[in-house]
Amino acid sequence: MIKKWIATGILLTGSIAAMAATPPNALVVAQSLDDVTSLDPAQGFELTSVQTFTNIYQRLVQSDPENPTELKPTLATSWVSTPRSLTLTLRDNAQFASGNPIRPEDVLFSLSRVVKLNLAPSFILTQLGWDKDNVDSHLQKVDANKVKITWDVNVGPSFVLSLLSAPASSIVDEKAVEMHVKNGDFGHAWLNNHSAGSGPFQIMKYTPHEALVLTANKTSPAGAPKMQMILMKNVPDAATRQLLIEQGDADIARNLGSDQFESLQGKPGVKALALPYASLYYIMFNTKAKNNPDLGNPKFWEAAHWAFDYKGIAVDLMRGQFQVQQSFLPQGFNGALTDQPYHYDPEKAKQILKDAGIKDPHFKLVVSNQPPYLDVAQALQASFAKAGIRVELIPGISSQVSNDVKEHNYEANVSSWGPDYFDPNTNASSFAYNPENGSKTIAWRANWQIPELSKMTIAARAETDPVKRTKMYQELQRQVRESAPFVIGLQNKKLVAIRDNLKGYVQGITPDMVYYQNVSK
C-alpha cells in the first residue's frame, strides 16, 4: 500500500492531494524541508537534519529526552576514564542497517572524518585540540570491541562524553561509506542524501525541497521501530500544514506559527502541543559587511539592544508562546542568566546612534521565509524603524539563508540557535568563542574577533569545580550581552500538532531530540 501511495505523487512531487487517511504503517509528517543543506552528520546542522540524524544514526552515548543531563549508553555500553582519556566498550553484536557489524574502526572513522572534513559542526570536536593532522593519533582501537579516545586540552571526561552525544558524533558505517568515496571526500557527497547508520530508520529516498522518506531498520540496536516508514513532505506554507493535519492527511505538522497553533485548539482529531524548547532567537550583524561599515561599530550593536521590542514580540505577537531571554544560555540550563537588563526604548537607541555620529543607520536583514522567523523579522523591522533604523527584509529559503550567513554574504540575520549537547559550553563555544582555526561558530559568522572571550570560554570549559564553573559562564553571558554584534532576545516553545490516534511520539528540549521509533497509530 505504501509503495502505491508514494507512486500517486502525493509525496514525491509538489502536489498536495487530499487523502481519506494516512497508511496505517507509515507516519506522515508535514513540515518545511527547505533548511536542509546536508544529511551527512559531518555537515548537517539544521533542524530537519539533526532531527533526522537522531532517527537514522546512533552515537556512543545520548541524552535521555526526559532528563537531558543524564547520558545513556547507546553504542557504548560502558567506559573507563582517566583525566585525559576514555576507553569505551562497544555493544555486542550490534550492526548497521547494511548488516555490517559496528566495529571500533567505524568509531574512529566517524569521529576523524568530522574533523578532517572541517565543515560546520567540526568545532564541536576540535575543542579537544584535534585537527586533521593529529586526530588519528587520539583515536585508537584497543581490541575487537573497545576504543580509546584521548585529548591534550584541559577538559575532563564528563565534558568529552557530552561532545560524543552531539549529532556530529553519530557513528557511520565505514565499509558502506568507503564504497562511495570520491576524490578523497570521505563519502561526503554520497552521505548528503543517503544514510549509513544503525538507527531505527534509514533513508529510502531524499528529493531536496520535496520529500524525505525513511524506511524501518528492523535490526537496529535501538530495536525495531513500530512504523514501516516515515514520510516527510516539504510543505513550505504553515497554513497548508495546518490544513493537512486537520483533514487527517498528515499525522504530524511541525513548525507551526502562532496563528495556526491557536486555530487548532479544540479541533476534533488533533492535539496541539507547545513543547519546552531550548532554542534562542537573535539578530546578528556582520561586523565586516561590505558597503555598511556602521555594522562593525559597537555603538550600533548597543542601540540595537534598545530597538528590539522583546515583550511586544514575545507577548503580543507570539501570544506568550515565546519568553524573553537575553543571554546565550537558555532557561533550563545550569548557570543561565534570567535577568532582563534591556527593554524596548527607541528614543534611547536614537540617542546612542546620534552620539556615535551614525547618521543613516540601516541594514539588509536576511531571514528564513518560515514561521516564526519572518514574523519576528517583520516585527523587528517595525520596532527598529521607530528607533530611526531602516531595515530592508530579504526573505529566502532557509538553506540559502544559512549558506549566505556561513559565507559572510549578508549584513544582518535573524536566526535561532539550539544546544548540540547538554552542557553550558555548547552555547558558550558558539557565542563567545572564535578561535584562529576558523571554527564556524556564531561569533565567527559575525566576523567578531574575541581572543580574550575565547580564552575565558576555554577556561570555563576546563573548570571542574561546579560552583566556579557556573560563575564563569555567568560572567561570559554578561560580557557577550553587553558587547556582542548580536542581540539575543527570545526563547521559544516548539509548536507541533499531532493526530489524536498517535501514540509514542517523543520530543525533548534540544533541537535533535525528535524520536519516531516508538510511534504507533
Protein backbone atom coordinates (compact mmCIF):
# COMPACT_ATOMS: atom_id res chain seq x y z
CA MET A 1 0.00 0.00 0.00
CA ILE A 2 2.79 2.40 0.86
CA LYS A 3 4.57 1.98 -2.47
CA LYS A 4 1.29 2.55 -4.30
CA TRP A 5 0.63 5.59 -2.15
CA ILE A 6 4.07 7.09 -2.91
CA ALA A 7 3.55 6.37 -6.58
CA THR A 8 0.48 8.61 -6.65
CA GLY A 9 2.86 11.54 -6.45
CA ILE A 10 1.49 12.91 -3.19
CA LEU A 11 4.84 12.61 -1.51
CA LEU A 12 7.46 12.83 -4.16
CA THR A 13 6.03 15.67 -6.20
CA GLY A 14 4.96 19.16 -5.30
CA SER A 15 1.23 18.38 -5.26
CA ILE A 16 -0.85 18.13 -2.10
CA ALA A 17 -3.76 15.80 -2.78
CA ALA A 18 -6.44 15.05 -0.20
CA MET A 19 -6.47 11.54 1.25
CA ALA A 20 -9.04 9.70 3.32
CA ALA A 21 -6.36 8.69 5.82
CA THR A 22 -2.64 8.10 6.06
CA PRO A 23 -1.43 4.50 5.66
CA PRO A 24 -1.57 2.56 8.94
CA ASN A 25 2.11 1.55 8.83
CA ALA A 26 3.52 4.92 7.74
CA LEU A 27 3.99 8.15 9.65
CA VAL A 28 3.30 11.24 7.54
CA VAL A 29 4.97 14.45 8.70
CA ALA A 30 4.16 17.83 7.15
CA GLN A 31 6.96 20.34 7.64
CA SER A 32 9.38 22.54 5.77
CA LEU A 33 12.44 20.70 4.50
CA ASP A 34 13.94 23.79 2.93
CA ASP A 35 16.51 24.19 5.70
CA VAL A 36 18.41 21.01 4.76
CA THR A 37 21.90 21.62 3.42
CA SER A 38 23.17 18.08 4.00
CA LEU A 39 22.12 14.78 5.57
CA ASP A 40 25.74 13.94 6.40
CA PRO A 41 26.22 14.31 10.19
CA ALA A 42 29.62 15.83 9.46
CA GLN A 43 27.86 18.81 7.88
CA GLY A 44 24.13 18.92 8.63
CA PHE A 45 23.44 21.46 11.34
CA GLU A 46 19.85 22.50 10.65
CA LEU A 47 16.67 21.44 12.47
CA THR A 48 15.49 18.93 9.89
CA SER A 49 18.98 17.47 9.57
CA VAL A 50 19.71 16.93 13.26
CA GLN A 51 16.23 15.56 13.93
CA THR A 52 16.76 13.08 11.11
CA PHE A 53 20.18 12.06 12.48
CA THR A 54 18.56 11.02 15.77
CA ASN A 55 16.42 8.54 13.86
CA ILE A 56 18.92 7.15 11.34
CA TYR A 57 22.16 7.17 13.36
CA GLN A 58 23.27 6.34 16.87
CA ARG A 59 26.05 7.80 18.99
CA LEU A 60 28.24 6.21 21.62
CA VAL A 61 26.16 7.93 24.30
CA GLN A 62 22.99 10.01 24.05
CA SER A 63 20.95 12.22 26.37
CA ASP A 64 17.82 10.88 28.00
CA PRO A 65 14.99 13.01 26.48
CA GLU A 66 13.20 13.13 29.83
CA ASN A 67 16.36 14.05 31.73
CA PRO A 68 18.84 15.60 29.26
CA THR A 69 21.62 15.98 31.83
CA GLU A 70 21.82 12.18 32.05
CA LEU A 71 23.83 10.46 29.33
CA LYS A 72 22.63 6.98 28.45
CA PRO A 73 24.87 4.26 26.99
CA THR A 74 23.93 3.72 23.35
CA LEU A 75 26.53 2.10 21.09
CA ALA A 76 28.91 2.13 24.05
CA THR A 77 27.77 0.01 26.98
CA SER A 78 30.37 1.20 29.48
CA TRP A 79 33.54 3.25 29.76
CA VAL A 80 36.59 3.77 31.93
CA SER A 81 38.09 7.23 32.25
CA THR A 82 41.31 8.94 33.22
CA PRO A 83 41.84 12.73 33.30
CA ARG A 84 42.82 12.64 29.60
CA SER A 85 41.21 9.52 28.15
CA LEU A 86 38.09 7.44 27.74
CA THR A 87 38.13 3.73 26.95
CA LEU A 88 34.70 2.67 25.75
CA THR A 89 33.31 -0.83 25.31
CA LEU A 90 31.02 -1.24 22.31
CA ARG A 91 27.71 -3.05 22.30
CA ASP A 92 28.00 -6.76 21.43
CA ASN A 93 26.62 -7.98 18.10
CA ALA A 94 25.43 -4.52 17.04
CA GLN A 95 25.17 -3.88 13.33
CA PHE A 96 24.43 -1.15 10.84
CA ALA A 97 21.41 -1.12 8.55
CA SER A 98 23.68 -2.60 5.85
CA GLY A 99 24.27 -5.68 8.00
CA ASN A 100 27.89 -4.72 8.62
CA PRO A 101 28.98 -5.13 12.25
CA ILE A 102 29.70 -1.99 14.28
CA ARG A 103 33.45 -2.07 14.93
CA PRO A 104 35.99 0.14 16.67
CA GLU A 105 37.17 1.11 13.18
CA ASP A 106 33.75 2.67 12.48
CA VAL A 107 34.00 4.82 15.59
CA LEU A 108 37.48 6.01 14.67
CA PHE A 109 36.45 6.71 11.08
CA SER A 110 33.29 8.60 12.10
CA LEU A 111 34.94 10.97 14.55
CA SER A 112 38.04 11.62 12.45
CA ARG A 113 36.09 12.39 9.25
CA VAL A 114 34.18 15.17 11.06
CA VAL A 115 37.47 16.83 11.95
CA LYS A 116 39.11 16.24 8.57
CA LEU A 117 36.15 17.49 6.55
CA ASN A 118 36.15 20.64 8.74
CA LEU A 119 32.53 21.55 7.99
CA ALA A 120 30.11 23.50 10.20
CA PRO A 121 29.82 21.09 13.19
CA SER A 122 33.52 20.26 13.30
CA PHE A 123 34.16 22.82 16.05
CA ILE A 124 32.34 20.52 18.47
CA LEU A 125 35.19 18.01 18.27
CA THR A 126 38.08 20.36 17.52
CA GLN A 127 37.53 21.78 21.03
CA LEU A 128 39.52 18.71 22.11
CA GLY A 129 42.58 20.08 20.35
CA TRP A 130 42.06 17.73 17.42
CA ASP A 131 42.86 18.77 13.86
CA LYS A 132 43.28 16.97 10.57
CA ASP A 133 46.94 16.24 11.33
CA ASN A 134 46.64 14.87 14.86
CA VAL A 135 43.13 13.46 15.20
CA ASP A 136 44.10 9.92 14.23
CA SER A 137 46.71 9.82 16.98
CA HIS A 138 43.95 10.47 19.54
CA LEU A 139 41.69 7.64 18.35
CA GLN A 140 42.80 4.06 18.99
CA LYS A 141 41.35 0.58 18.62
CA VAL A 142 42.10 -1.30 21.84
CA ASP A 143 40.64 -4.65 20.85
CA ALA A 144 37.71 -6.11 18.93
CA ASN A 145 35.11 -4.16 20.92
CA LYS A 146 36.94 -1.31 22.63
CA VAL A 147 38.12 2.13 21.55
CA LYS A 148 40.29 4.63 23.36
CA ILE A 149 39.81 8.37 22.91
CA THR A 150 42.44 10.80 24.20
CA TRP A 151 42.90 14.56 24.25
CA ASP A 152 45.56 17.05 25.30
CA VAL A 153 43.42 20.04 26.23
CA ASN A 154 42.41 20.71 29.80
CA VAL A 155 38.93 19.20 29.95
CA GLY A 156 37.52 16.28 31.91
CA PRO A 157 36.00 13.04 30.62
CA SER A 158 32.43 14.04 31.51
CA PHE A 159 32.70 17.00 29.14
CA VAL A 160 34.10 14.77 26.39
CA LEU A 161 31.16 12.40 26.84
CA SER A 162 28.85 15.36 26.28
CA LEU A 163 30.61 16.09 22.98
CA LEU A 164 30.23 12.45 21.98
CA SER A 165 26.45 12.80 22.45
CA ALA A 166 26.19 15.56 19.82
CA PRO A 167 24.65 14.79 16.39
CA ALA A 168 28.03 15.39 14.73
CA SER A 169 29.38 12.42 16.70
CA SER A 170 26.98 10.00 15.01
CA ILE A 171 28.66 6.70 14.11
CA VAL A 172 28.64 5.87 10.40
CA ASP A 173 29.33 2.61 8.60
CA GLU A 174 32.90 2.91 7.29
CA LYS A 175 32.61 -0.03 4.90
CA ALA A 176 29.40 1.29 3.32
CA VAL A 177 30.71 4.84 3.06
CA GLU A 178 34.08 3.87 1.57
CA MET A 179 32.29 2.32 -1.40
CA HIS A 180 31.14 5.84 -2.32
CA VAL A 181 34.25 7.92 -1.67
CA LYS A 182 35.10 10.33 -4.49
CA ASN A 183 38.24 12.43 -4.67
CA GLY A 184 39.05 11.86 -1.02
CA ASP A 185 35.73 13.29 0.25
CA PHE A 186 35.20 10.56 2.91
CA GLY A 187 31.91 9.73 1.19
CA HIS A 188 30.53 13.19 1.90
CA ALA A 189 28.79 13.71 -1.46
CA TRP A 190 27.02 10.37 -1.11
CA LEU A 191 26.02 10.94 2.52
CA ASN A 192 24.43 14.25 1.58
CA ASN A 193 21.35 12.27 0.54
CA HIS A 194 21.96 8.69 1.75
CA SER A 195 22.47 7.14 5.16
CA ALA A 196 24.89 4.62 6.64
CA GLY A 197 23.77 4.33 10.24
CA SER A 198 22.42 1.95 12.86
CA GLY A 199 19.36 3.92 13.96
CA PRO A 200 15.79 2.62 13.79
CA PHE A 201 15.33 4.07 10.30
CA GLN A 202 17.39 4.59 7.14
CA ILE A 203 16.98 6.91 4.17
CA MET A 204 14.97 5.37 1.35
CA LYS A 205 14.77 8.47 -0.83
CA TYR A 206 15.52 12.15 -0.47
CA THR A 207 14.38 14.69 -3.03
CA PRO A 208 15.58 18.18 -2.00
CA HIS A 209 12.75 20.64 -1.32
CA GLU A 210 10.18 17.87 -1.91
CA ALA A 211 10.34 14.85 0.37
CA LEU A 212 12.44 12.72 2.69
CA VAL A 213 11.38 9.08 3.01
CA LEU A 214 12.76 6.88 5.79
CA THR A 215 12.23 3.14 5.99
CA ALA A 216 12.47 0.87 9.02
CA ASN A 217 15.78 -0.66 10.06
CA LYS A 218 14.40 -3.67 11.89
CA THR A 219 17.85 -4.88 13.01
CA SER A 220 18.78 -1.61 14.74
CA PRO A 221 20.49 -1.99 18.13
CA ALA A 222 17.86 0.51 19.31
CA GLY A 223 15.16 -2.03 18.47
CA ALA A 224 12.81 -2.30 15.50
CA PRO A 225 10.55 0.74 15.02
CA LYS A 226 6.79 0.32 15.11
CA MET A 227 6.27 2.13 11.81
CA GLN A 228 7.47 0.79 8.48
CA MET A 229 8.07 4.24 7.03
CA ILE A 230 8.33 7.91 7.85
CA LEU A 231 7.22 10.16 5.02
CA MET A 232 8.30 13.77 5.48
CA LYS A 233 6.65 16.05 2.96
CA ASN A 234 8.03 19.50 2.28
CA VAL A 235 5.10 21.83 2.89
CA PRO A 236 6.58 25.35 2.96
CA ASP A 237 3.33 27.10 3.91
CA ALA A 238 2.34 26.79 7.58
CA ALA A 239 -1.36 27.28 6.79
CA THR A 240 -1.24 24.31 4.42
CA ARG A 241 0.42 22.23 7.13
CA GLN A 242 -2.49 23.15 9.41
CA LEU A 243 -4.99 22.08 6.76
CA LEU A 244 -3.28 18.72 6.25
CA ILE A 245 -3.30 17.86 9.95
CA GLU A 246 -6.94 18.93 10.29
CA GLN A 247 -8.01 16.77 7.35
CA GLY A 248 -6.06 13.75 8.57
CA ASP A 249 -3.76 13.86 5.55
CA ALA A 250 -0.77 14.20 7.89
CA ASP A 251 -0.07 12.61 11.27
CA ILE A 252 2.25 15.36 12.48
CA ALA A 253 2.50 19.02 11.47
CA ARG A 254 5.73 20.68 12.56
CA ASN A 255 6.95 24.31 12.69
CA LEU A 256 3.54 25.87 13.11
CA GLY A 257 3.06 29.60 13.53
CA SER A 258 1.10 31.17 16.37
CA ASP A 259 -2.00 31.66 14.20
CA GLN A 260 -2.08 28.02 13.13
CA PHE A 261 -1.45 26.82 16.67
CA GLU A 262 -4.33 28.85 18.08
CA SER A 263 -6.67 27.79 15.28
CA LEU A 264 -6.03 24.12 16.05
CA GLN A 265 -7.01 24.41 19.70
CA GLY A 266 -10.02 22.20 20.32
CA LYS A 267 -10.22 20.88 16.76
CA PRO A 268 -11.53 17.28 16.68
CA GLY A 269 -8.91 14.63 16.00
CA VAL A 270 -5.97 16.94 16.67
CA LYS A 271 -3.71 17.67 19.63
CA ALA A 272 -1.81 20.98 19.52
CA LEU A 273 1.37 20.84 21.60
CA ALA A 274 3.55 23.71 22.83
CA LEU A 275 6.67 21.82 23.86
CA PRO A 276 9.52 23.19 26.03
CA TYR A 277 12.48 24.06 23.87
CA ALA A 278 15.98 25.40 24.45
CA SER A 279 16.12 27.43 21.25
CA LEU A 280 17.17 31.11 21.32
CA TYR A 281 16.23 33.71 18.72
CA TYR A 282 18.63 36.54 17.98
CA ILE A 283 19.56 39.18 15.45
CA MET A 284 23.19 39.12 14.31
CA PHE A 285 25.25 41.71 12.46
CA ASN A 286 28.13 41.05 10.10
CA THR A 287 30.83 43.29 11.54
CA LYS A 288 32.68 43.33 8.20
CA ALA A 289 29.69 43.74 5.92
CA LYS A 290 30.54 45.19 2.54
CA ASN A 291 29.16 48.70 1.96
CA ASN A 292 27.90 49.05 5.55
CA PRO A 293 30.77 49.82 7.94
CA ASP A 294 28.36 51.02 10.64
CA LEU A 295 27.56 47.39 11.43
CA GLY A 296 31.06 46.99 12.84
CA ASN A 297 30.52 49.82 15.32
CA PRO A 298 29.81 48.58 18.89
CA LYS A 299 27.55 51.60 19.39
CA PHE A 300 25.30 50.26 16.62
CA TRP A 301 25.05 46.95 18.49
CA GLU A 302 24.28 48.80 21.72
CA ALA A 303 21.49 50.75 20.04
CA ALA A 304 20.06 47.52 18.64
CA HIS A 305 19.54 46.20 22.16
CA TRP A 306 17.16 49.09 22.84
CA ALA A 307 15.47 48.88 19.42
CA PHE A 308 14.43 45.23 19.96
CA ASP A 309 10.82 45.03 21.12
CA TYR A 310 11.25 42.00 23.36
CA LYS A 311 7.88 41.85 25.11
CA GLY A 312 5.98 43.13 22.10
CA ILE A 313 7.18 40.12 20.13
CA ALA A 314 7.03 37.52 22.90
CA VAL A 315 3.69 38.53 24.41
CA ASP A 316 1.71 40.46 21.79
CA LEU A 317 2.89 38.97 18.51
CA MET A 318 3.58 35.42 19.63
CA ARG A 319 0.86 35.41 22.29
CA GLY A 320 3.08 34.14 25.06
CA GLN A 321 4.49 31.22 23.08
CA PHE A 322 7.89 32.90 23.40
CA GLN A 323 9.54 34.23 26.51
CA VAL A 324 12.12 36.96 26.82
CA GLN A 325 15.65 35.61 27.27
CA GLN A 326 18.59 37.96 26.77
CA SER A 327 21.55 35.64 27.47
CA PHE A 328 23.16 32.92 25.41
CA LEU A 329 22.23 30.09 27.79
CA PRO A 330 18.55 29.13 27.51
CA GLN A 331 16.44 28.88 30.61
CA GLY A 332 16.69 25.32 31.88
CA PHE A 333 20.48 25.20 31.52
CA ASN A 334 22.74 25.39 34.54
CA GLY A 335 24.00 28.95 35.02
CA ALA A 336 21.55 30.63 32.65
CA LEU A 337 21.04 34.30 33.46
CA THR A 338 17.35 35.17 33.56
CA ASP A 339 17.52 38.89 34.35
CA GLN A 340 16.49 41.32 31.61
CA PRO A 341 18.66 44.46 31.62
CA TYR A 342 17.28 45.71 28.27
CA HIS A 343 13.80 46.81 27.27
CA TYR A 344 12.32 48.48 24.23
CA ASP A 345 13.36 52.15 24.23
CA PRO A 346 13.59 53.53 20.66
CA GLU A 347 14.42 57.04 21.85
CA LYS A 348 17.41 55.76 23.77
CA ALA A 349 18.53 53.84 20.67
CA LYS A 350 18.25 57.04 18.62
CA GLN A 351 20.37 58.96 21.11
CA ILE A 352 23.09 56.29 21.15
CA LEU A 353 23.30 56.41 17.36
CA LYS A 354 23.33 60.21 17.31
CA ASP A 355 26.10 60.42 19.91
CA ALA A 356 28.11 57.90 17.87
CA GLY A 357 27.78 60.00 14.73
CA ILE A 358 25.87 57.32 12.84
CA LYS A 359 23.72 59.47 10.56
CA ASP A 360 21.93 56.93 8.37
CA PRO A 361 21.52 53.69 10.33
CA HIS A 362 20.23 50.92 8.09
CA PHE A 363 20.82 47.29 7.14
CA LYS A 364 19.55 44.45 5.00
CA LEU A 365 18.11 41.62 7.07
CA VAL A 366 18.20 38.13 5.56
CA VAL A 367 15.68 35.76 7.10
CA SER A 368 14.08 32.38 6.50
CA ASN A 369 10.63 32.63 4.98
CA GLN A 370 9.34 30.10 7.54
CA PRO A 371 7.43 30.93 10.73
CA PRO A 372 8.26 32.26 13.17
CA TYR A 373 11.43 33.77 11.64
CA LEU A 374 9.68 36.02 9.15
CA ASP A 375 7.11 37.07 11.76
CA VAL A 376 9.91 38.06 14.14
CA ALA A 377 11.81 39.87 11.38
CA GLN A 378 8.76 41.91 10.37
CA ALA A 379 8.20 42.92 14.00
CA LEU A 380 11.86 43.94 14.30
CA GLN A 381 11.60 45.95 11.09
CA ALA A 382 8.79 47.96 12.70
CA SER A 383 10.44 48.36 16.11
CA PHE A 384 13.79 49.39 14.60
CA ALA A 385 12.02 51.91 12.37
CA LYS A 386 10.78 53.76 15.48
CA ALA A 387 14.42 53.99 16.53
CA GLY A 388 15.30 55.58 13.20
CA ILE A 389 16.91 52.44 11.78
CA ARG A 390 15.82 51.39 8.28
CA VAL A 391 15.59 47.63 7.82
CA GLU A 392 15.18 46.00 4.42
CA LEU A 393 13.87 42.46 4.73
CA ILE A 394 15.27 39.80 2.40
CA PRO A 395 13.29 36.57 2.96
CA GLY A 396 14.61 33.36 1.45
CA ILE A 397 14.65 29.60 1.59
CA SER A 398 16.20 28.51 4.87
CA SER A 399 19.11 26.60 3.34
CA GLN A 400 20.09 29.55 1.14
CA VAL A 401 19.95 31.99 4.06
CA SER A 402 22.10 29.61 6.09
CA ASN A 403 24.67 29.33 3.31
CA ASP A 404 24.81 33.11 2.83
CA VAL A 405 25.50 33.61 6.54
CA LYS A 406 28.21 30.93 6.59
CA GLU A 407 29.84 32.61 3.59
CA HIS A 408 29.65 36.04 5.30
CA ASN A 409 27.47 37.20 2.42
CA TYR A 410 24.97 39.18 4.50
CA GLU A 411 24.57 42.34 6.58
CA ALA A 412 22.24 41.08 9.31
CA ASN A 413 20.34 37.90 10.03
CA VAL A 414 17.51 36.77 12.29
CA SER A 415 18.00 33.17 13.29
CA SER A 416 17.78 30.70 16.15
CA TRP A 417 20.32 28.53 17.92
CA GLY A 418 19.75 25.40 19.94
CA PRO A 419 22.26 23.44 22.01
CA ASP A 420 24.12 20.49 20.50
CA TYR A 421 24.61 18.76 23.84
CA PHE A 422 23.52 19.39 27.40
CA ASP A 423 26.39 21.40 28.84
CA PRO A 424 26.79 25.21 29.13
CA ASN A 425 29.78 25.06 26.83
CA THR A 426 27.55 24.11 23.92
CA ASN A 427 26.34 27.72 23.55
CA ALA A 428 29.38 29.44 25.03
CA SER A 429 31.51 27.79 22.35
CA SER A 430 29.28 29.37 19.71
CA PHE A 431 28.51 32.84 21.03
CA ALA A 432 31.72 33.55 22.98
CA TYR A 433 34.36 31.65 21.05
CA ASN A 434 36.10 32.44 17.78
CA PRO A 435 39.43 30.61 17.64
CA GLU A 436 42.06 31.12 14.99
CA ASN A 437 41.39 27.71 13.46
CA GLY A 438 38.30 29.08 11.70
CA SER A 439 35.66 27.04 13.50
CA LYS A 440 32.26 28.04 12.14
CA THR A 441 30.83 29.40 15.40
CA ILE A 442 28.20 32.14 15.73
CA ALA A 443 30.97 34.60 16.65
CA TRP A 444 32.86 33.56 13.50
CA ARG A 445 29.76 34.07 11.38
CA ALA A 446 29.52 37.60 12.77
CA ASN A 447 33.21 38.25 11.97
CA TRP A 448 33.66 39.07 15.65
CA GLN A 449 37.28 38.84 16.82
CA ILE A 450 37.31 37.95 20.54
CA PRO A 451 40.65 36.49 21.71
CA GLU A 452 40.03 37.31 25.37
CA LEU A 453 36.49 35.93 25.45
CA SER A 454 37.73 32.83 23.66
CA LYS A 455 40.31 32.33 26.41
CA MET A 456 37.60 32.76 29.06
CA THR A 457 35.46 30.18 27.27
CA ILE A 458 38.34 27.70 27.26
CA ALA A 459 38.93 28.33 30.97
CA ALA A 460 35.26 27.78 31.83
CA ARG A 461 35.24 24.58 29.81
CA ALA A 462 38.21 23.27 31.79
CA GLU A 463 36.94 24.21 35.26
CA THR A 464 35.94 21.15 37.33
CA ASP A 465 34.55 22.94 40.39
CA PRO A 466 30.81 23.23 39.58
CA VAL A 467 30.26 26.44 41.55
CA LYS A 468 33.24 28.20 39.96
CA ARG A 469 32.25 26.90 36.54
CA THR A 470 28.72 28.28 36.84
CA LYS A 471 30.05 31.71 37.84
CA MET A 472 32.42 31.72 34.86
CA TYR A 473 29.60 31.03 32.42
CA GLN A 474 27.51 33.74 34.03
CA GLU A 475 30.32 36.25 33.54
CA LEU A 476 30.68 35.16 29.91
CA GLN A 477 26.97 35.74 29.39
CA ARG A 478 27.20 39.26 30.84
CA GLN A 479 30.15 40.21 28.65
CA VAL A 480 28.53 38.86 25.48
CA ARG A 481 25.26 40.56 26.33
CA GLU A 482 26.96 43.91 26.76
CA SER A 483 29.42 43.89 23.87
CA ALA A 484 28.45 41.48 21.08
CA PRO A 485 27.29 42.12 17.48
CA PHE A 486 24.14 40.14 18.18
CA VAL A 487 21.08 40.73 20.30
CA ILE A 488 19.67 37.62 21.94
CA GLY A 489 16.05 38.30 22.78
CA LEU A 490 13.74 35.31 22.82
CA GLN A 491 13.39 31.67 23.80
CA ASN A 492 10.59 29.76 22.17
CA LYS A 493 8.42 26.73 22.55
CA LYS A 494 8.13 24.30 19.68
CA LEU A 495 4.62 24.30 18.21
CA VAL A 496 3.60 20.88 16.90
CA ALA A 497 0.26 19.29 16.11
CA ILE A 498 -0.39 15.55 16.06
CA ARG A 499 -3.42 13.40 15.27
CA ASP A 500 -5.05 12.17 18.47
CA ASN A 501 -4.68 8.50 17.47
CA LEU A 502 -0.89 8.84 17.53
CA LYS A 503 0.97 7.21 20.41
CA GLY A 504 4.60 7.17 21.47
CA TYR A 505 5.78 10.46 19.95
CA VAL A 506 8.62 11.93 22.00
CA GLN A 507 10.30 15.32 21.63
CA GLY A 508 12.92 16.64 24.04
CA ILE A 509 14.27 20.07 24.88
CA THR A 510 17.19 20.18 22.41
CA PRO A 511 16.76 20.51 18.62
CA ASP A 512 17.83 16.96 17.74
CA MET A 513 15.55 15.27 20.29
CA VAL A 514 12.77 14.09 17.98
CA TYR A 515 12.08 10.38 18.33
CA TYR A 516 9.93 8.41 15.88
CA GLN A 517 10.97 4.88 16.90
CA ASN A 518 8.04 4.13 19.23
CA VAL A 519 5.33 5.99 17.34
CA SER A 520 2.23 3.94 16.54
CA LYS A 521 -1.36 4.59 15.50
